[in-house]
């Protein structure tokens, strides 16, 4: 994704985030987009990080 595309999507920063923090961010409502949450859950399940 180009910087221009990131800006259009509202992405201000890209970097690694620990799984525990991602789950906490969902719990706090910082990540609310259902498509993003579904993609994260599928990825974590595929990686065996959640069951």
N, C-alpha and C. Protein backbone atom coordinates (compact mmCIF):
# COMPACT_ATOMS: atom_id res chain seq x y z
N UNK A 1 0.86 -1.17 0.00
CA UNK A 1 0.00 0.00 0.00
C UNK A 1 0.90 1.23 0.00
N UNK A 2 0.59 2.14 -0.87
CA UNK A 2 1.39 3.37 -0.95
C UNK A 2 1.00 4.33 0.17
N UNK A 3 1.85 5.31 0.41
CA UNK A 3 1.58 6.32 1.43
C UNK A 3 0.28 7.05 1.13
N UNK A 4 0.02 7.30 -0.14
CA UNK A 4 -1.21 7.99 -0.54
C UNK A 4 -2.44 7.14 -0.20
N UNK A 5 -2.35 5.84 -0.47
CA UNK A 5 -3.47 4.95 -0.16
C UNK A 5 -3.67 4.84 1.35
N UNK A 6 -2.57 4.79 2.10
CA UNK A 6 -2.67 4.75 3.56
C UNK A 6 -3.37 5.99 4.08
N UNK A 7 -3.01 7.15 3.56
CA UNK A 7 -3.63 8.40 3.98
C UNK A 7 -5.13 8.39 3.70
N UNK A 8 -5.51 7.94 2.51
CA UNK A 8 -6.94 7.87 2.15
C UNK A 8 -7.70 6.93 3.08
N UNK A 9 -7.05 5.86 3.52
CA UNK A 9 -7.70 4.88 4.40
C UNK A 9 -7.66 5.30 5.87
N UNK A 10 -6.99 6.39 6.17
CA UNK A 10 -6.90 6.85 7.56
C UNK A 10 -5.83 6.14 8.36
N UNK A 11 -4.86 5.54 7.66
CA UNK A 11 -3.77 4.83 8.34
C UNK A 11 -2.66 5.84 8.62
N UNK A 12 -2.35 6.04 9.90
CA UNK A 12 -1.34 7.03 10.24
C UNK A 12 -0.01 6.40 10.63
N UNK A 13 -0.03 5.12 11.01
CA UNK A 13 1.20 4.46 11.45
C UNK A 13 1.09 2.98 11.17
N UNK A 14 2.20 2.36 10.78
CA UNK A 14 2.24 0.94 10.51
C UNK A 14 3.42 0.35 11.26
N UNK A 15 3.17 -0.70 12.02
CA UNK A 15 4.26 -1.35 12.75
C UNK A 15 3.74 -2.54 13.52
N UNK A 16 4.65 -3.32 14.07
CA UNK A 16 4.24 -4.51 14.82
C UNK A 16 3.54 -4.15 16.13
N UNK A 17 2.52 -4.94 16.46
CA UNK A 17 1.79 -4.77 17.72
C UNK A 17 1.63 -6.16 18.32
N UNK A 18 1.96 -6.33 19.60
CA UNK A 18 1.79 -7.65 20.22
C UNK A 18 0.32 -8.09 20.19
N UNK A 19 0.12 -9.40 20.07
CA UNK A 19 -1.24 -9.95 20.01
C UNK A 19 -2.06 -9.51 21.21
N UNK A 20 -1.46 -9.53 22.39
CA UNK A 20 -2.20 -9.12 23.59
C UNK A 20 -2.70 -7.68 23.48
N UNK A 21 -1.89 -6.82 22.87
CA UNK A 21 -2.30 -5.42 22.71
C UNK A 21 -3.40 -5.29 21.66
N UNK A 22 -3.32 -6.07 20.58
CA UNK A 22 -4.38 -6.05 19.56
C UNK A 22 -5.71 -6.43 20.19
N UNK A 23 -5.71 -7.50 20.97
CA UNK A 23 -6.95 -7.95 21.63
C UNK A 23 -7.45 -6.91 22.62
N UNK A 24 -6.52 -6.26 23.33
CA UNK A 24 -6.91 -5.20 24.26
C UNK A 24 -7.50 -4.01 23.51
N UNK A 25 -6.92 -3.67 22.36
CA UNK A 25 -7.43 -2.56 21.56
C UNK A 25 -8.85 -2.85 21.07
N UNK A 26 -9.12 -4.09 20.71
CA UNK A 26 -10.49 -4.47 20.32
C UNK A 26 -11.42 -4.33 21.52
N UNK A 27 -10.98 -4.82 22.67
CA UNK A 27 -11.79 -4.74 23.89
C UNK A 27 -12.08 -3.31 24.31
N UNK A 28 -11.13 -2.41 24.10
CA UNK A 28 -11.31 -1.00 24.47
C UNK A 28 -12.09 -0.23 23.41
N UNK A 29 -12.38 -0.86 22.29
CA UNK A 29 -13.11 -0.18 21.23
C UNK A 29 -12.25 0.68 20.33
N UNK A 30 -10.92 0.53 20.41
CA UNK A 30 -10.03 1.29 19.55
C UNK A 30 -10.02 0.73 18.14
N UNK A 31 -10.28 -0.57 18.03
CA UNK A 31 -10.46 -1.21 16.73
C UNK A 31 -11.92 -1.63 16.70
N UNK A 32 -12.74 -0.99 15.84
CA UNK A 32 -14.18 -1.24 15.84
C UNK A 32 -14.69 -1.77 14.50
N UNK A 33 -13.89 -1.64 13.47
CA UNK A 33 -14.31 -2.06 12.14
C UNK A 33 -14.44 -3.58 12.09
N UNK A 34 -15.63 -4.06 11.78
CA UNK A 34 -15.91 -5.50 11.79
C UNK A 34 -15.04 -6.26 10.79
N UNK A 35 -14.77 -5.68 9.64
CA UNK A 35 -13.94 -6.35 8.64
C UNK A 35 -12.50 -6.52 9.16
N UNK A 36 -11.99 -5.51 9.84
CA UNK A 36 -10.64 -5.58 10.41
C UNK A 36 -10.59 -6.61 11.52
N UNK A 37 -11.58 -6.60 12.41
CA UNK A 37 -11.61 -7.55 13.51
C UNK A 37 -11.72 -8.98 12.98
N UNK A 38 -12.57 -9.20 11.98
CA UNK A 38 -12.71 -10.53 11.39
C UNK A 38 -11.39 -10.99 10.78
N UNK A 39 -10.71 -10.11 10.06
CA UNK A 39 -9.42 -10.46 9.44
C UNK A 39 -8.38 -10.79 10.50
N UNK A 40 -8.34 -10.00 11.57
CA UNK A 40 -7.41 -10.27 12.66
C UNK A 40 -7.70 -11.61 13.32
N UNK A 41 -8.97 -11.90 13.58
CA UNK A 41 -9.32 -13.15 14.22
C UNK A 41 -8.99 -14.36 13.33
N UNK A 42 -9.26 -14.23 12.05
CA UNK A 42 -8.91 -15.32 11.12
C UNK A 42 -7.40 -15.54 11.09
N UNK A 43 -6.63 -14.45 11.04
CA UNK A 43 -5.18 -14.57 11.01
C UNK A 43 -4.65 -15.19 12.30
N UNK A 44 -5.16 -14.74 13.44
CA UNK A 44 -4.71 -15.28 14.73
C UNK A 44 -5.09 -16.75 14.87
N UNK A 45 -6.27 -17.11 14.40
CA UNK A 45 -6.69 -18.50 14.44
C UNK A 45 -5.78 -19.35 13.54
N UNK A 46 -5.50 -18.87 12.36
CA UNK A 46 -4.63 -19.59 11.42
C UNK A 46 -3.24 -19.79 12.00
N UNK A 47 -2.75 -18.81 12.74
CA UNK A 47 -1.43 -18.89 13.36
C UNK A 47 -1.43 -19.68 14.66
N UNK A 48 -2.62 -20.13 15.09
CA UNK A 48 -2.73 -20.90 16.33
C UNK A 48 -2.60 -20.06 17.59
N UNK A 49 -2.81 -18.75 17.44
CA UNK A 49 -2.70 -17.83 18.60
C UNK A 49 -3.98 -17.76 19.39
N UNK A 50 -5.13 -18.12 18.76
CA UNK A 50 -6.41 -18.21 19.45
C UNK A 50 -7.11 -19.46 18.94
N UNK A 51 -8.05 -19.96 19.70
CA UNK A 51 -8.80 -21.15 19.27
C UNK A 51 -10.28 -20.89 19.38
